[in-house]
Full PDB file with SEQRES, HELIX, SHEET, SSBOND, CRYST1, ORIGX, SCALE, CONECT and MASTER records, all heavy atoms in Angstrom:
SEQRES   1 A   37  LEU ASP GLU ASP GLN ASP GLN ARG SER LEU ASP PHE GLY          
SEQRES   2 A   37  LEU ASP HIS PHE THR HIS ALA ILE LEU PHE LEU GLY LEU          
SEQRES   3 A   37  ALA TYR GLY VAL GLU HIS PRO ALA SER GLY VAL                  
HELIX    1 AA1 GLN A    5  GLU A   31  1                                  27    
CRYST1    1.000    1.000    1.000  90.00  90.00  90.00 P 1           1          
ORIGX1      1.000000  0.000000  0.000000        0.00000                         
ORIGX2      0.000000  1.000000  0.000000        0.00000                         
ORIGX3      0.000000  0.000000  1.000000        0.00000                         
SCALE1      1.000000  0.000000  0.000000        0.00000                         
SCALE2      0.000000  1.000000  0.000000        0.00000                         
SCALE3      0.000000  0.000000  1.000000        0.00000                         
ATOM      1  N   LEU A   1      99.143 143.132 208.232  1.00  0.00           N  
ATOM      2  CA  LEU A   1      98.481 142.680 209.453  1.00  0.00           C  
ATOM      3  C   LEU A   1      97.126 143.361 209.635  1.00  0.00           C  
ATOM      4  O   LEU A   1      96.730 143.700 210.754  1.00  0.00           O  
ATOM      5  CB  LEU A   1      99.370 142.914 210.686  1.00  0.00           C  
ATOM      6  CG  LEU A   1     100.754 142.256 210.652  1.00  0.00           C  
ATOM      7  CD1 LEU A   1     101.536 142.623 211.890  1.00  0.00           C  
ATOM      8  CD2 LEU A   1     100.646 140.758 210.495  1.00  0.00           C  
ATOM      9  N   ASP A   2      96.429 143.561 208.524  1.00  0.00           N  
ATOM     10  CA  ASP A   2      95.120 144.198 208.620  1.00  0.00           C  
ATOM     11  C   ASP A   2      94.028 143.378 207.942  1.00  0.00           C  
ATOM     12  O   ASP A   2      93.094 143.908 207.367  1.00  0.00           O  
ATOM     13  CB  ASP A   2      95.151 145.636 208.099  1.00  0.00           C  
ATOM     14  CG  ASP A   2      95.398 145.750 206.603  1.00  0.00           C  
ATOM     15  OD1 ASP A   2      95.566 144.717 205.944  1.00  0.00           O  
ATOM     16  OD2 ASP A   2      95.391 146.892 206.103  1.00  0.00           O  
ATOM     17  N   GLU A   3      94.157 142.058 208.050  1.00  0.00           N  
ATOM     18  CA  GLU A   3      93.087 141.205 207.546  1.00  0.00           C  
ATOM     19  C   GLU A   3      91.867 141.388 208.437  1.00  0.00           C  
ATOM     20  O   GLU A   3      91.974 141.477 209.646  1.00  0.00           O  
ATOM     21  CB  GLU A   3      93.494 139.733 207.599  1.00  0.00           C  
ATOM     22  CG  GLU A   3      94.550 139.335 206.593  1.00  0.00           C  
ATOM     23  CD  GLU A   3      94.836 137.854 206.674  1.00  0.00           C  
ATOM     24  OE1 GLU A   3      95.395 137.430 207.693  1.00  0.00           O  
ATOM     25  OE2 GLU A   3      94.496 137.141 205.730  1.00  0.00           O  
ATOM     26  N   ASP A   4      90.720 141.438 207.823  1.00  0.00           N  
ATOM     27  CA  ASP A   4      89.494 141.454 208.604  1.00  0.00           C  
ATOM     28  C   ASP A   4      88.466 140.547 207.931  1.00  0.00           C  
ATOM     29  O   ASP A   4      88.652 140.114 206.795  1.00  0.00           O  
ATOM     30  CB  ASP A   4      88.961 142.869 208.826  1.00  0.00           C  
ATOM     31  CG  ASP A   4      88.558 143.580 207.543  1.00  0.00           C  
ATOM     32  OD1 ASP A   4      88.228 142.914 206.548  1.00  0.00           O  
ATOM     33  OD2 ASP A   4      88.560 144.817 207.550  1.00  0.00           O  
ATOM     34  N   GLN A   5      87.405 140.278 208.636  1.00  0.00           N  
ATOM     35  CA  GLN A   5      86.404 139.324 208.137  1.00  0.00           C  
ATOM     36  C   GLN A   5      85.722 139.826 206.869  1.00  0.00           C  
ATOM     37  O   GLN A   5      85.424 139.045 205.978  1.00  0.00           O  
ATOM     38  CB  GLN A   5      85.362 139.024 209.224  1.00  0.00           C  
ATOM     39  CG  GLN A   5      84.444 137.882 208.863  1.00  0.00           C  
ATOM     40  CD  GLN A   5      85.202 136.584 208.568  1.00  0.00           C  
ATOM     41  OE1 GLN A   5      86.145 136.225 209.254  1.00  0.00           O  
ATOM     42  NE2 GLN A   5      84.800 135.890 207.515  1.00  0.00           N  
ATOM     43  N   ASP A   6      85.480 141.125 206.772  1.00  0.00           N  
ATOM     44  CA  ASP A   6      84.843 141.670 205.573  1.00  0.00           C  
ATOM     45  C   ASP A   6      85.733 141.463 204.348  1.00  0.00           C  
ATOM     46  O   ASP A   6      85.255 141.090 203.275  1.00  0.00           O  
ATOM     47  CB  ASP A   6      84.539 143.158 205.740  1.00  0.00           C  
ATOM     48  CG  ASP A   6      83.440 143.409 206.754  1.00  0.00           C  
ATOM     49  OD1 ASP A   6      82.639 142.482 207.019  1.00  0.00           O  
ATOM     50  OD2 ASP A   6      83.382 144.534 207.289  1.00  0.00           O  
ATOM     51  N   GLN A   7      87.043 141.727 204.498  1.00  0.00           N  
ATOM     52  CA  GLN A   7      87.984 141.519 203.394  1.00  0.00           C  
ATOM     53  C   GLN A   7      88.026 140.055 202.996  1.00  0.00           C  
ATOM     54  O   GLN A   7      87.989 139.720 201.827  1.00  0.00           O  
ATOM     55  CB  GLN A   7      89.386 142.014 203.792  1.00  0.00           C  
ATOM     56  CG  GLN A   7      90.547 141.405 203.019  1.00  0.00           C  
ATOM     57  CD  GLN A   7      90.520 141.643 201.517  1.00  0.00           C  
ATOM     58  OE1 GLN A   7      90.020 142.643 201.052  1.00  0.00           O  
ATOM     59  NE2 GLN A   7      91.059 140.711 200.765  1.00  0.00           N  
ATOM     60  N   ARG A   8      88.083 139.182 203.974  1.00  0.00           N  
ATOM     61  CA  ARG A   8      88.123 137.745 203.677  1.00  0.00           C  
ATOM     62  C   ARG A   8      86.858 137.298 202.964  1.00  0.00           C  
ATOM     63  O   ARG A   8      86.907 136.510 202.025  1.00  0.00           O  
ATOM     64  CB  ARG A   8      88.303 136.937 204.959  1.00  0.00           C  
ATOM     65  CG  ARG A   8      89.684 137.031 205.534  1.00  0.00           C  
ATOM     66  CD  ARG A   8      89.803 136.175 206.768  1.00  0.00           C  
ATOM     67  NE  ARG A   8      91.078 136.419 207.416  1.00  0.00           N  
ATOM     68  CZ  ARG A   8      91.340 136.068 208.645  1.00  0.00           C  
ATOM     69  NH1 ARG A   8      90.431 135.462 209.376  1.00  0.00           N  
ATOM     70  NH2 ARG A   8      92.513 136.326 209.171  1.00  0.00           N  
ATOM     71  N   SER A   9      85.711 137.793 203.408  1.00  0.00           N  
ATOM     72  CA  SER A   9      84.438 137.422 202.775  1.00  0.00           C  
ATOM     73  C   SER A   9      84.368 137.924 201.345  1.00  0.00           C  
ATOM     74  O   SER A   9      83.923 137.201 200.442  1.00  0.00           O  
ATOM     75  CB  SER A   9      83.266 137.982 203.576  1.00  0.00           C  
ATOM     76  OG  SER A   9      83.233 137.425 204.858  1.00  0.00           O  
ATOM     77  N   LEU A  10      84.802 139.162 201.134  1.00  0.00           N  
ATOM     78  CA  LEU A  10      84.818 139.713 199.770  1.00  0.00           C  
ATOM     79  C   LEU A  10      85.732 138.890 198.883  1.00  0.00           C  
ATOM     80  O   LEU A  10      85.349 138.502 197.766  1.00  0.00           O  
ATOM     81  CB  LEU A  10      85.277 141.177 199.795  1.00  0.00           C  
ATOM     82  CG  LEU A  10      85.457 141.828 198.423  1.00  0.00           C  
ATOM     83  CD1 LEU A  10      84.099 142.002 197.744  1.00  0.00           C  
ATOM     84  CD2 LEU A  10      86.165 143.169 198.563  1.00  0.00           C  
ATOM     85  N   ASP A  11      86.929 138.610 199.349  1.00  0.00           N  
ATOM     86  CA  ASP A  11      87.886 137.833 198.567  1.00  0.00           C  
ATOM     87  C   ASP A  11      87.352 136.434 198.272  1.00  0.00           C  
ATOM     88  O   ASP A  11      87.411 135.959 197.144  1.00  0.00           O  
ATOM     89  CB  ASP A  11      89.227 137.753 199.302  1.00  0.00           C  
ATOM     90  CG  ASP A  11      90.316 137.097 198.472  1.00  0.00           C  
ATOM     91  OD1 ASP A  11      90.406 137.381 197.267  1.00  0.00           O  
ATOM     92  OD2 ASP A  11      91.079 136.297 199.040  1.00  0.00           O  
ATOM     93  N   PHE A  12      86.816 135.782 199.283  1.00  0.00           N  
ATOM     94  CA  PHE A  12      86.268 134.436 199.126  1.00  0.00           C  
ATOM     95  C   PHE A  12      85.121 134.434 198.116  1.00  0.00           C  
ATOM     96  O   PHE A  12      85.065 133.597 197.211  1.00  0.00           O  
ATOM     97  CB  PHE A  12      85.788 133.920 200.488  1.00  0.00           C  
ATOM     98  CG  PHE A  12      85.249 132.526 200.467  1.00  0.00           C  
ATOM     99  CD1 PHE A  12      86.104 131.439 200.445  1.00  0.00           C  
ATOM    100  CD2 PHE A  12      83.882 132.296 200.469  1.00  0.00           C  
ATOM    101  CE1 PHE A  12      85.610 130.139 200.427  1.00  0.00           C  
ATOM    102  CE2 PHE A  12      83.375 131.010 200.455  1.00  0.00           C  
ATOM    103  CZ  PHE A  12      84.240 129.927 200.430  1.00  0.00           C  
ATOM    104  N   GLY A  13      84.210 135.381 198.263  1.00  0.00           N  
ATOM    105  CA  GLY A  13      83.072 135.460 197.342  1.00  0.00           C  
ATOM    106  C   GLY A  13      83.498 135.750 195.916  1.00  0.00           C  
ATOM    107  O   GLY A  13      83.000 135.131 194.970  1.00  0.00           O  
ATOM    108  N   LEU A  14      84.416 136.698 195.749  1.00  0.00           N  
ATOM    109  CA  LEU A  14      84.890 137.018 194.398  1.00  0.00           C  
ATOM    110  C   LEU A  14      85.657 135.859 193.775  1.00  0.00           C  
ATOM    111  O   LEU A  14      85.564 135.634 192.567  1.00  0.00           O  
ATOM    112  CB  LEU A  14      85.747 138.281 194.415  1.00  0.00           C  
ATOM    113  CG  LEU A  14      84.986 139.596 194.480  1.00  0.00           C  
ATOM    114  CD1 LEU A  14      85.943 140.758 194.681  1.00  0.00           C  
ATOM    115  CD2 LEU A  14      84.144 139.804 193.238  1.00  0.00           C  
ATOM    116  N   ASP A  15      86.422 135.130 194.573  1.00  0.00           N  
ATOM    117  CA  ASP A  15      87.139 133.959 194.057  1.00  0.00           C  
ATOM    118  C   ASP A  15      86.157 132.971 193.436  1.00  0.00           C  
ATOM    119  O   ASP A  15      86.342 132.507 192.306  1.00  0.00           O  
ATOM    120  CB  ASP A  15      87.935 133.253 195.154  1.00  0.00           C  
ATOM    121  CG  ASP A  15      89.177 134.005 195.573  1.00  0.00           C  
ATOM    122  OD1 ASP A  15      89.536 134.991 194.894  1.00  0.00           O  
ATOM    123  OD2 ASP A  15      89.784 133.610 196.582  1.00  0.00           O  
ATOM    124  N   HIS A  16      85.119 132.647 194.176  1.00  0.00           N  
ATOM    125  CA  HIS A  16      84.151 131.668 193.674  1.00  0.00           C  
ATOM    126  C   HIS A  16      83.339 132.226 192.511  1.00  0.00           C  
ATOM    127  O   HIS A  16      83.039 131.507 191.554  1.00  0.00           O  
ATOM    128  CB  HIS A  16      83.247 131.184 194.810  1.00  0.00           C  
ATOM    129  CG  HIS A  16      83.987 130.330 195.775  1.00  0.00           C  
ATOM    130  ND1 HIS A  16      84.390 129.048 195.475  1.00  0.00           N  
ATOM    131  CD2 HIS A  16      84.451 130.580 197.020  1.00  0.00           C  
ATOM    132  CE1 HIS A  16      85.051 128.537 196.488  1.00  0.00           C  
ATOM    133  NE2 HIS A  16      85.109 129.454 197.448  1.00  0.00           N  
ATOM    134  N   PHE A  17      83.009 133.498 192.568  1.00  0.00           N  
ATOM    135  CA  PHE A  17      82.286 134.128 191.470  1.00  0.00           C  
ATOM    136  C   PHE A  17      83.115 134.103 190.192  1.00  0.00           C  
ATOM    137  O   PHE A  17      82.608 133.777 189.115  1.00  0.00           O  
ATOM    138  CB  PHE A  17      81.907 135.565 191.837  1.00  0.00           C  
ATOM    139  CG  PHE A  17      81.309 136.323 190.698  1.00  0.00           C  
ATOM    140  CD1 PHE A  17      80.001 136.089 190.308  1.00  0.00           C  
ATOM    141  CD2 PHE A  17      82.058 137.269 190.018  1.00  0.00           C  
ATOM    142  CE1 PHE A  17      79.441 136.788 189.249  1.00  0.00           C  
ATOM    143  CE2 PHE A  17      81.506 137.973 188.955  1.00  0.00           C  
ATOM    144  CZ  PHE A  17      80.198 137.728 188.566  1.00  0.00           C  
ATOM    145  N   THR A  18      84.412 134.442 190.297  1.00  0.00           N  
ATOM    146  CA  THR A  18      85.242 134.483 189.089  1.00  0.00           C  
ATOM    147  C   THR A  18      85.418 133.094 188.485  1.00  0.00           C  
ATOM    148  O   THR A  18      85.415 132.953 187.263  1.00  0.00           O  
ATOM    149  CB  THR A  18      86.619 135.119 189.358  1.00  0.00           C  
ATOM    150  OG1 THR A  18      87.299 134.397 190.366  1.00  0.00           O  
ATOM    151  CG2 THR A  18      86.494 136.560 189.757  1.00  0.00           C  
ATOM    152  N   HIS A  19      85.551 132.073 189.321  1.00  0.00           N  
ATOM    153  CA  HIS A  19      85.652 130.719 188.773  1.00  0.00           C  
ATOM    154  C   HIS A  19      84.381 130.365 188.020  1.00  0.00           C  
ATOM    155  O   HIS A  19      84.432 129.839 186.895  1.00  0.00           O  
ATOM    156  CB  HIS A  19      85.906 129.698 189.883  1.00  0.00           C  
ATOM    157  CG  HIS A  19      87.218 129.896 190.577  1.00  0.00           C  
ATOM    158  ND1 HIS A  19      87.376 129.654 191.918  1.00  0.00           N  
ATOM    159  CD2 HIS A  19      88.417 130.328 190.142  1.00  0.00           C  
ATOM    160  CE1 HIS A  19      88.622 129.922 192.260  1.00  0.00           C  
ATOM    161  NE2 HIS A  19      89.269 130.332 191.199  1.00  0.00           N  
ATOM    162  N   ALA A  20      83.248 130.659 188.610  1.00  0.00           N  
ATOM    163  CA  ALA A  20      81.972 130.324 187.974  1.00  0.00           C  
ATOM    164  C   ALA A  20      81.772 131.106 186.683  1.00  0.00           C  
ATOM    165  O   ALA A  20      81.370 130.535 185.658  1.00  0.00           O  
ATOM    166  CB  ALA A  20      80.821 130.599 188.939  1.00  0.00           C  
ATOM    167  N   ILE A  21      82.060 132.398 186.707  1.00  0.00           N  
ATOM    168  CA  ILE A  21      81.807 133.226 185.525  1.00  0.00           C  
ATOM    169  C   ILE A  21      82.730 132.845 184.366  1.00  0.00           C  
ATOM    170  O   ILE A  21      82.331 132.893 183.207  1.00  0.00           O  
ATOM    171  CB  ILE A  21      81.877 134.735 185.879  1.00  0.00           C  
ATOM    172  CG1 ILE A  21      81.219 135.587 184.800  1.00  0.00           C  
ATOM    173  CG2 ILE A  21      83.293 135.218 186.062  1.00  0.00           C  
ATOM    174  CD1 ILE A  21      79.745 135.639 184.894  1.00  0.00           C  
ATOM    175  N   LEU A  22      83.961 132.441 184.679  1.00  0.00           N  
ATOM    176  CA  LEU A  22      84.857 132.003 183.602  1.00  0.00           C  
ATOM    177  C   LEU A  22      84.341 130.725 182.940  1.00  0.00           C  
ATOM    178  O   LEU A  22      84.342 130.607 181.713  1.00  0.00           O  
ATOM    179  CB  LEU A  22      86.282 131.802 184.134  1.00  0.00           C  
ATOM    180  CG  LEU A  22      87.066 133.075 184.407  1.00  0.00           C  
ATOM    181  CD1 LEU A  22      88.318 132.777 185.204  1.00  0.00           C  
ATOM    182  CD2 LEU A  22      87.409 133.784 183.111  1.00  0.00           C  
ATOM    183  N   PHE A  23      83.882 129.778 183.755  1.00  0.00           N  
ATOM    184  CA  PHE A  23      83.328 128.549 183.177  1.00  0.00           C  
ATOM    185  C   PHE A  23      82.045 128.823 182.407  1.00  0.00           C  
ATOM    186  O   PHE A  23      81.805 128.234 181.346  1.00  0.00           O  
ATOM    187  CB  PHE A  23      83.105 127.485 184.259  1.00  0.00           C  
ATOM    188  CG  PHE A  23      84.361 126.778 184.647  1.00  0.00           C  
ATOM    189  CD1 PHE A  23      84.898 126.954 185.914  1.00  0.00           C  
ATOM    190  CD2 PHE A  23      85.031 125.953 183.756  1.00  0.00           C  
ATOM    191  CE1 PHE A  23      86.077 126.311 186.277  1.00  0.00           C  
ATOM    192  CE2 PHE A  23      86.207 125.309 184.109  1.00  0.00           C  
ATOM    193  CZ  PHE A  23      86.729 125.486 185.369  1.00  0.00           C  
ATOM    194  N   LEU A  24      81.210 129.717 182.918  1.00  0.00           N  
ATOM    195  CA  LEU A  24      79.987 130.061 182.201  1.00  0.00           C  
ATOM    196  C   LEU A  24      80.296 130.744 180.873  1.00  0.00           C  
ATOM    197  O   LEU A  24      79.645 130.474 179.856  1.00  0.00           O  
ATOM    198  CB  LEU A  24      79.091 130.951 183.056  1.00  0.00           C  
ATOM    199  CG  LEU A  24      78.404 130.273 184.231  1.00  0.00           C  
ATOM    200  CD1 LEU A  24      77.721 131.306 185.121  1.00  0.00           C  
ATOM    201  CD2 LEU A  24      77.412 129.233 183.746  1.00  0.00           C  
ATOM    202  N   GLY A  25      81.279 131.636 180.871  1.00  0.00           N  
ATOM    203  CA  GLY A  25      81.680 132.288 179.628  1.00  0.00           C  
ATOM    204  C   GLY A  25      82.196 131.287 178.609  1.00  0.00           C  
ATOM    205  O   GLY A  25      81.858 131.352 177.424  1.00  0.00           O  
ATOM    206  N   LEU A  26      83.003 130.350 179.063  1.00  0.00           N  
ATOM    207  CA  LEU A  26      83.514 129.318 178.164  1.00  0.00           C  
ATOM    208  C   LEU A  26      82.375 128.446 177.639  1.00  0.00           C  
ATOM    209  O   LEU A  26      82.292 128.157 176.440  1.00  0.00           O  
ATOM    210  CB  LEU A  26      84.554 128.457 178.881  1.00  0.00           C  
ATOM    211  CG  LEU A  26      85.167 127.315 178.080  1.00  0.00           C  
ATOM    212  CD1 LEU A  26      85.873 127.838 176.828  1.00  0.00           C  
ATOM    213  CD2 LEU A  26      86.126 126.527 178.948  1.00  0.00           C  
ATOM    214  N   ALA A  27      81.465 128.036 178.527  1.00  0.00           N  
ATOM    215  CA  ALA A  27      80.345 127.193 178.114  1.00  0.00           C  
ATOM    216  C   ALA A  27      79.466 127.912 177.100  1.00  0.00           C  
ATOM    217  O   ALA A  27      79.059 127.328 176.090  1.00  0.00           O  
ATOM    218  CB  ALA A  27      79.520 126.785 179.330  1.00  0.00           C  
ATOM    219  N   TYR A  28      79.190 129.184 177.332  1.00  0.00           N  
ATOM    220  CA  TYR A  28      78.371 129.943 176.388  1.00  0.00           C  
ATOM    221  C   TYR A  28      79.077 130.060 175.039  1.00  0.00           C  
ATOM    222  O   TYR A  28      78.461 129.902 173.991  1.00  0.00           O  
ATOM    223  CB  TYR A  28      78.053 131.331 176.944  1.00  0.00           C  
ATOM    224  CG  TYR A  28      77.128 132.104 176.040  1.00  0.00           C  
ATOM    225  CD1 TYR A  28      75.761 131.955 176.170  1.00  0.00           C  
ATOM    226  CD2 TYR A  28      77.620 132.955 175.056  1.00  0.00           C  
ATOM    227  CE1 TYR A  28      74.888 132.639 175.331  1.00  0.00           C  
ATOM    228  CE2 TYR A  28      76.777 133.636 174.213  1.00  0.00           C  
ATOM    229  CZ  TYR A  28      75.405 133.478 174.352  1.00  0.00           C  
ATOM    230  OH  TYR A  28      74.557 134.148 173.514  1.00  0.00           O  
ATOM    231  N   GLY A  29      80.382 130.338 175.074  1.00  0.00           N  
ATOM    232  CA  GLY A  29      81.139 130.470 173.829  1.00  0.00           C  
ATOM    233  C   GLY A  29      81.175 129.184 173.027  1.00  0.00           C  
ATOM    234  O   GLY A  29      81.161 129.202 171.796  1.00  0.00           O  
ATOM    235  N   VAL A  30      81.209 128.043 173.698  1.00  0.00           N  
ATOM    236  CA  VAL A  30      81.203 126.754 172.997  1.00  0.00           C  
ATOM    237  C   VAL A  30      79.818 126.479 172.425  1.00  0.00           C  
ATOM    238  O   VAL A  30      79.680 126.006 171.299  1.00  0.00           O  
ATOM    239  CB  VAL A  30      81.651 125.616 173.948  1.00  0.00           C  
ATOM    240  CG1 VAL A  30      81.391 124.251 173.330  1.00  0.00           C  
ATOM    241  CG2 VAL A  30      83.129 125.774 174.290  1.00  0.00           C  
ATOM    242  N   GLU A  31      78.795 126.792 173.189  1.00  0.00           N  
ATOM    243  CA  GLU A  31      77.414 126.525 172.748  1.00  0.00           C  
ATOM    244  C   GLU A  31      76.949 127.491 171.662  1.00  0.00           C  
ATOM    245  O   GLU A  31      76.168 127.130 170.789  1.00  0.00           O  
ATOM    246  CB  GLU A  31      76.468 126.605 173.953  1.00  0.00           C  
ATOM    247  CG  GLU A  31      75.055 126.202 173.654  1.00  0.00           C  
ATOM    248  CD  GLU A  31      74.903 124.739 173.273  1.00  0.00           C  
ATOM    249  OE1 GLU A  31      75.733 123.914 173.699  1.00  0.00           O  
ATOM    250  OE2 GLU A  31      73.951 124.427 172.539  1.00  0.00           O  
ATOM    251  N   HIS A  32      77.421 128.728 171.693  1.00  0.00           N  
ATOM    252  CA  HIS A  32      77.026 129.753 170.723  1.00  0.00           C  
ATOM    253  C   HIS A  32      78.287 130.315 170.064  1.00  0.00           C  
ATOM    254  O   HIS A  32      78.693 131.436 170.361  1.00  0.00           O  
ATOM    255  CB  HIS A  32      76.258 130.881 171.415  1.00  0.00           C  
ATOM    256  CG  HIS A  32      75.032 130.417 172.113  1.00  0.00           C  
ATOM    257  ND1 HIS A  32      75.038 130.045 173.448  1.00  0.00           N  
ATOM    258  CD2 HIS A  32      73.765 130.248 171.675  1.00  0.00           C  
ATOM    259  CE1 HIS A  32      73.823 129.679 173.796  1.00  0.00           C  
ATOM    260  NE2 HIS A  32      73.032 129.784 172.736  1.00  0.00           N  
ATOM    261  N   PRO A  33      78.898 129.538 169.180  1.00  0.00           N  
ATOM    262  CA  PRO A  33      80.187 129.954 168.604  1.00  0.00           C  
ATOM    263  C   PRO A  33      80.033 131.178 167.701  1.00  0.00           C  
ATOM    264  O   PRO A  33      78.963 131.447 167.162  1.00  0.00           O  
ATOM    265  CB  PRO A  33      80.628 128.742 167.800  1.00  0.00           C  
ATOM    266  CG  PRO A  33      79.362 128.022 167.473  1.00  0.00           C  
ATOM    267  CD  PRO A  33      78.439 128.265 168.637  1.00  0.00           C  
ATOM    268  N   ALA A  34      81.129 131.890 167.571  1.00  0.00           N  
ATOM    269  CA  ALA A  34      81.167 133.026 166.665  1.00  0.00           C  
ATOM    270  C   ALA A  34      81.002 132.516 165.245  1.00  0.00           C  
ATOM    271  O   ALA A  34      81.464 131.431 164.900  1.00  0.00           O  
ATOM    272  CB  ALA A  34      82.498 133.752 166.808  1.00  0.00           C  
ATOM    273  N   SER A  35      80.314 133.294 164.441  1.00  0.00           N  
ATOM    274  CA  SER A  35      80.152 132.870 163.052  1.00  0.00           C  
ATOM    275  C   SER A  35      81.458 133.106 162.310  1.00  0.00           C  
ATOM    276  O   SER A  35      82.233 133.992 162.630  1.00  0.00           O  
ATOM    277  CB  SER A  35      79.024 133.657 162.385  1.00  0.00           C  
ATOM    278  OG  SER A  35      79.310 135.035 162.442  1.00  0.00           O  
ATOM    279  N   GLY A  36      81.700 132.282 161.332  1.00  0.00           N  
ATOM    280  CA  GLY A  36      82.907 132.431 160.540  1.00  0.00           C  
ATOM    281  C   GLY A  36      84.072 131.632 161.106  1.00  0.00           C  
ATOM    282  O   GLY A  36      83.918 130.802 161.987  1.00  0.00           O  
ATOM    283  N   VAL A  37      85.221 131.921 160.605  1.00  0.00           N  
ATOM    284  CA  VAL A  37      86.428 131.182 160.949  1.00  0.00           C  
ATOM    285  C   VAL A  37      86.830 131.469 162.393  1.00  0.00           C  
ATOM    286  O   VAL A  37      86.742 132.586 162.875  1.00  0.00           O  
ATOM    287  CB  VAL A  37      87.585 131.583 160.002  1.00  0.00           C  
ATOM    288  CG1 VAL A  37      88.871 130.877 160.372  1.00  0.00           C  
ATOM    289  CG2 VAL A  37      87.196 131.291 158.569  1.00  0.00           C  
TER     290      VAL A  37                                                      
MASTER        0    0    0    1    0    0    0    6  289    1    0    3          
END                                                                             
């Protein structure tokens, strides 16, 4: 019972950041594949 607006904002911001960064990491990995097998 200790939710506060700062915690919610941090959680909300990190949620959206993590979704974006995962897609960006995947996109970069597809565009610039590792050399070799």
